[in-house]
C-alpha atoms as a PDB file:
ATOM      1  CA  MET A   1      -3.835 -11.445  -8.822  1.00  0.00           C
ATOM      2  CA  ALA A   2      -6.860 -10.731  -7.183  1.00  0.00           C
ATOM      3  CA  TYR A   3      -6.343  -9.877  -3.575  1.00  0.00           C
ATOM      4  CA  LYS A   4      -9.634  -9.141  -0.699  1.00  0.00           C
ATOM      5  CA  LYS A   5     -10.321  -5.601  -0.054  1.00  0.00           C
ATOM      6  CA  ALA A   6      -7.898  -4.637   2.643  1.00  0.00           C
ATOM      7  CA  ARG A   7     -11.678  -2.600   5.097  1.00  0.00           C
ATOM      8  CA  THR A   8      -9.716  -2.716   8.399  1.00  0.00           C
ATOM      9  CA  TYR A   9      -6.093  -2.368  10.155  1.00  0.00           C
ATOM     10  CA  ALA A  10      -5.101  -6.147  10.125  1.00  0.00           C
ATOM     11  CA  ASP A  11      -6.995  -5.961   6.741  1.00  0.00           C
ATOM     12  CA  MET A  12      -3.613  -4.461   5.836  1.00  0.00           C
ATOM     13  CA  GLU A  13      -1.162  -6.773   8.038  1.00  0.00           C
ATOM     14  CA  ASN A  14      -1.809  -9.690   6.967  1.00  0.00           C
ATOM     15  CA  ASP A  15      -2.469  -8.895   3.448  1.00  0.00           C
ATOM     16  CA  SER A  16       0.271 -10.987   1.238  1.00  0.00           C
ATOM     17  CA  ARG A  17       1.796  -7.637  -0.563  1.00  0.00           C
ATOM     18  CA  VAL A  18       2.214  -6.765   2.689  1.00  0.00           C
ATOM     19  CA  ASP A  19       5.921  -6.536   4.671  1.00  0.00           C
ATOM     20  CA  TRP A  20       4.973  -4.548   7.659  1.00  0.00           C
ATOM     21  CA  VAL A  21       2.653  -1.776   9.118  1.00  0.00           C
ATOM     22  CA  SER A  22       4.291   1.313  11.354  1.00  0.00           C
ATOM     23  CA  ASP A  23       2.008   2.939  13.147  1.00  0.00           C
ATOM     24  CA  GLU A  24       2.826   6.534  14.229  1.00  0.00           C
ATOM     25  CA  ARG A  25      -0.392   8.409  14.178  1.00  0.00           C
ATOM     26  CA  VAL A  26       0.683   9.089  18.292  1.00  0.00           C
ATOM     27  CA  THR A  27       3.243  10.652  16.252  1.00  0.00           C
ATOM     28  CA  GLU A  28       1.222  12.565  14.373  1.00  0.00           C
ATOM     29  CA  GLU A  29       3.241  11.159  11.063  1.00  0.00           C
ATOM     30  CA  GLY A  30      -0.124   9.056  10.478  1.00  0.00           C
ATOM     31  CA  ILE A  31       0.489   4.919   8.987  1.00  0.00           C
ATOM     32  CA  TRP A  32       2.966   3.376   6.900  1.00  0.00           C
ATOM     33  CA  VAL A  33       2.322   0.221   5.073  1.00  0.00           C
ATOM     34  CA  TYR A  34       5.671  -0.695   4.139  1.00  0.00           C
ATOM     35  CA  LEU A  35       5.944  -4.026   0.619  1.00  0.00           C
ATOM     36  CA  LYS A  36       7.248  -6.534   0.106  1.00  0.00           C
ATOM     37  CA  GLU A  37       9.457  -7.079  -2.636  1.00  0.00           C
ATOM     38  CA  GLY A  38       8.857  -6.567  -6.003  1.00  0.00           C
ATOM     39  CA  PHE A  39       5.412  -4.455  -5.705  1.00  0.00           C
ATOM     40  CA  ILE A  40       4.955  -0.185  -5.790  1.00  0.00           C
ATOM     41  CA  ASN A  41       2.335   2.038  -4.958  1.00  0.00           C
ATOM     42  CA  THR A  42       1.814   3.706  -8.527  1.00  0.00           C
ATOM     43  CA  HIS A  43       0.276   6.597  -6.385  1.00  0.00           C
ATOM     44  CA  LEU A  44       3.859   7.215  -4.203  1.00  0.00           C
ATOM     45  CA  GLU A  45       5.680   5.245  -7.062  1.00  0.00           C
ATOM     46  CA  CYS A  46       7.820   3.700  -4.776  1.00  0.00           C
ATOM     47  CA  GLY A  47       7.143   0.115  -2.063  1.00  0.00           C
ATOM     48  CA  THR A  48       5.819   2.230   0.510  1.00  0.00           C
ATOM     49  CA  ILE A  49       1.835   3.686   1.795  1.00  0.00           C
ATOM     50  CA  HIS A  50       1.790   6.610   3.659  1.00  0.00           C
ATOM     51  CA  GLU A  51      -1.655   8.303   4.538  1.00  0.00           C
ATOM     52  CA  HIS A  52      -2.873   9.851   8.075  1.00  0.00           C
ATOM     53  CA  THR A  53      -5.768   8.041   7.903  1.00  0.00           C
ATOM     54  CA  VAL A  54      -7.139   3.980   8.037  1.00  0.00           C
ATOM     55  CA  ALA A  55      -9.831   3.869   5.246  1.00  0.00           C
ATOM     56  CA  GLU A  56      -7.022   6.137   3.128  1.00  0.00           C
ATOM     57  CA  CYS A  57      -4.248   4.068   3.486  1.00  0.00           C
ATOM     58  CA  CYS A  58      -6.609   0.670   2.125  1.00  0.00           C
ATOM     59  CA  ASP A  59      -7.831   2.968  -1.031  1.00  0.00           C
ATOM     60  CA  GLN A  60      -3.916   3.277  -2.074  1.00  0.00           C
ATOM     61  CA  LEU A  61      -3.276  -0.578  -0.835  1.00  0.00           C
ATOM     62  CA  ASN A  62      -7.156  -1.519  -2.414  1.00  0.00           C
ATOM     63  CA  ASN A  63      -6.547   0.196  -6.176  1.00  0.00           C
ATOM     64  CA  ALA A  64      -2.783   1.059  -6.526  1.00  0.00           C
ATOM     65  CA  VAL A  65      -0.840  -1.343  -5.084  1.00  0.00           C
ATOM     66  CA  VAL A  66       0.390  -3.095  -8.527  1.00  0.00           C
ATOM     67  CA  ASP A  67       3.120  -5.821  -9.346  1.00  0.00           C
ATOM     68  CA  SER A  68       6.283  -4.255 -10.287  1.00  0.00           C
ATOM     69  CA  ASN A  69       7.601  -6.591 -12.861  1.00  0.00           C
ATOM     70  CA  THR A  70       4.520  -6.058 -14.458  1.00  0.00           C
ATOM     71  CA  LYS A  71       3.945  -3.541 -17.834  1.00  0.00           C
ATOM     72  CA  TRP A  72       3.518  -0.850 -15.540  1.00  0.00           C
ATOM     73  CA  ARG A  73       5.287   2.924 -16.154  1.00  0.00           C
ATOM     74  CA  PRO A  74       6.048   5.338 -14.217  1.00  0.00           C
ATOM     75  CA  ASP A  75       5.513   7.367 -17.163  1.00  0.00           C
ATOM     76  CA  ARG A  76       1.946   5.189 -17.846  1.00  0.00           C
ATOM     77  CA  HIS A  77      -1.119   5.208 -15.346  1.00  0.00           C
ATOM     78  CA  ASP A  78      -2.547   2.660 -17.796  1.00  0.00           C
END
């Protein structure tokens, strides 16, 4: 399935793969993006994205989030 490219904070919040977003930049903890069950961030090998900027979070959402029911395995990044 093709997803609209996330470019903004609102795009992340409205993405169908995202459960919720926690903006903790005021405490220097960055941004946490919690993925819905069934999706995994292949960069961190878990169901979250954690970065310091919106651009970095969008990059991972656009390029590293996959359906966990696919053929992706932690030991194989193809």
